[in-house]
Amino acid sequence: MTPAEVARLFRVSVTTVTKWARSGLLPSVRTLGGHRRFERRDVLEHLERTHGPGAAGEEPETP
């Protein structure tokens, strides 16, 4: 996912997403051109950590 896509999902600025990546809060990889990309799995995990179970549009697990 691009930083803009992640920012839209979290309703934050692209700058905030970049800060998360720099701090290690949200893992990212760099393209050959130097642009950041985020794995969808990592983004959804971060969404659930910060906004609770089900925030990613999935049902919470039942014990």
C-alpha atoms as a PDB file:
ATOM      1  CA  MET A   1       0.000   0.000   0.000  1.00  0.00           C
ATOM      2  CA  THR A   2       1.183   3.531  -0.625  1.00  0.00           C
ATOM      3  CA  PRO A   3       1.523   6.098   2.166  1.00  0.00           C
ATOM      4  CA  ALA A   4      -1.514   7.927   0.765  1.00  0.00           C
ATOM      5  CA  GLU A   5      -3.644   4.773   0.905  1.00  0.00           C
ATOM      6  CA  VAL A   6      -2.595   4.133   4.501  1.00  0.00           C
ATOM      7  CA  ALA A   7      -3.268   7.769   5.424  1.00  0.00           C
ATOM      8  CA  ARG A   8      -6.803   7.561   3.988  1.00  0.00           C
ATOM      9  CA  LEU A   9      -7.492   4.367   5.926  1.00  0.00           C
ATOM     10  CA  PHE A  10      -6.405   5.920   9.232  1.00  0.00           C
ATOM     11  CA  ARG A  11      -7.718   9.390   8.375  1.00  0.00           C
ATOM     12  CA  VAL A  12      -4.349  10.978   9.056  1.00  0.00           C
ATOM     13  CA  SER A  13      -1.839  12.863   6.920  1.00  0.00           C
ATOM     14  CA  VAL A  14       0.813  11.226   4.766  1.00  0.00           C
ATOM     15  CA  THR A  15       3.366  12.942   7.027  1.00  0.00           C
ATOM     16  CA  THR A  16       1.977  11.041  10.017  1.00  0.00           C
ATOM     17  CA  VAL A  17       2.273   7.737   8.156  1.00  0.00           C
ATOM     18  CA  THR A  18       5.881   8.587   7.263  1.00  0.00           C
ATOM     19  CA  LYS A  19       6.625   9.342  10.931  1.00  0.00           C
ATOM     20  CA  TRP A  20       5.146   5.975  11.930  1.00  0.00           C
ATOM     21  CA  ALA A  21       7.403   4.262   9.394  1.00  0.00           C
ATOM     22  CA  ARG A  22      10.524   6.150  10.519  1.00  0.00           C
ATOM     23  CA  SER A  23       9.860   5.311  14.169  1.00  0.00           C
ATOM     24  CA  GLY A  24       9.299   1.626  13.387  1.00  0.00           C
ATOM     25  CA  LEU A  25       5.660   1.731  14.457  1.00  0.00           C
ATOM     26  CA  LEU A  26       4.549   0.650  10.996  1.00  0.00           C
ATOM     27  CA  PRO A  27       6.994  -1.504   8.999  1.00  0.00           C
ATOM     28  CA  SER A  28       7.679  -0.425   5.443  1.00  0.00           C
ATOM     29  CA  VAL A  29       9.884  -1.306   2.501  1.00  0.00           C
ATOM     30  CA  ARG A  30      11.476   1.032  -0.012  1.00  0.00           C
ATOM     31  CA  THR A  31      11.022   0.704  -3.750  1.00  0.00           C
ATOM     32  CA  LEU A  32      14.015   1.084  -6.045  1.00  0.00           C
ATOM     33  CA  GLY A  33      12.917   4.680  -6.542  1.00  0.00           C
ATOM     34  CA  GLY A  34      13.012   5.313  -2.768  1.00  0.00           C
ATOM     35  CA  HIS A  35       9.252   5.371  -2.170  1.00  0.00           C
ATOM     36  CA  ARG A  36       7.750   3.683   0.875  1.00  0.00           C
ATOM     37  CA  ARG A  37       5.326   0.795   0.567  1.00  0.00           C
ATOM     38  CA  PHE A  38       3.415  -0.959   3.322  1.00  0.00           C
ATOM     39  CA  GLU A  39       2.272  -4.569   3.487  1.00  0.00           C
ATOM     40  CA  ARG A  40      -1.503  -4.748   3.818  1.00  0.00           C
ATOM     41  CA  ARG A  41      -1.143  -7.280   6.660  1.00  0.00           C
ATOM     42  CA  ASP A  42       1.064  -4.890   8.684  1.00  0.00           C
ATOM     43  CA  VAL A  43      -1.340  -2.006   8.117  1.00  0.00           C
ATOM     44  CA  LEU A  44      -4.369  -4.040   9.237  1.00  0.00           C
ATOM     45  CA  GLU A  45      -2.506  -5.275  12.326  1.00  0.00           C
ATOM     46  CA  HIS A  46      -1.618  -1.681  13.231  1.00  0.00           C
ATOM     47  CA  LEU A  47      -5.235  -0.642  12.682  1.00  0.00           C
ATOM     48  CA  GLU A  48      -6.463  -3.317  15.080  1.00  0.00           C
ATOM     49  CA  ARG A  49      -3.784  -2.431  17.663  1.00  0.00           C
ATOM     50  CA  THR A  50      -4.732   1.236  17.620  1.00  0.00           C
ATOM     51  CA  HIS A  51      -8.485   1.046  17.020  1.00  0.00           C
ATOM     52  CA  GLY A  52      -9.439  -2.316  18.525  1.00  0.00           C
ATOM     53  CA  PRO A  53     -10.626  -5.667  17.182  1.00  0.00           C
ATOM     54  CA  GLY A  54     -12.884  -5.467  14.158  1.00  0.00           C
ATOM     55  CA  ALA A  55     -11.519  -2.075  13.100  1.00  0.00           C
ATOM     56  CA  ALA A  56     -10.135  -3.637   9.955  1.00  0.00           C
ATOM     57  CA  GLY A  57     -13.611  -4.767   8.917  1.00  0.00           C
ATOM     58  CA  GLU A  58     -13.229  -8.298  10.214  1.00  0.00           C
ATOM     59  CA  GLU A  59     -15.122 -10.029  12.979  1.00  0.00           C
ATOM     60  CA  PRO A  60     -13.230 -10.350  16.279  1.00  0.00           C
ATOM     61  CA  GLU A  61     -12.034 -13.847  17.159  1.00  0.00           C
ATOM     62  CA  THR A  62     -14.103 -15.749  19.676  1.00  0.00           C
ATOM     63  CA  PRO A  63     -12.254 -17.795  22.317  1.00  0.00           C
END
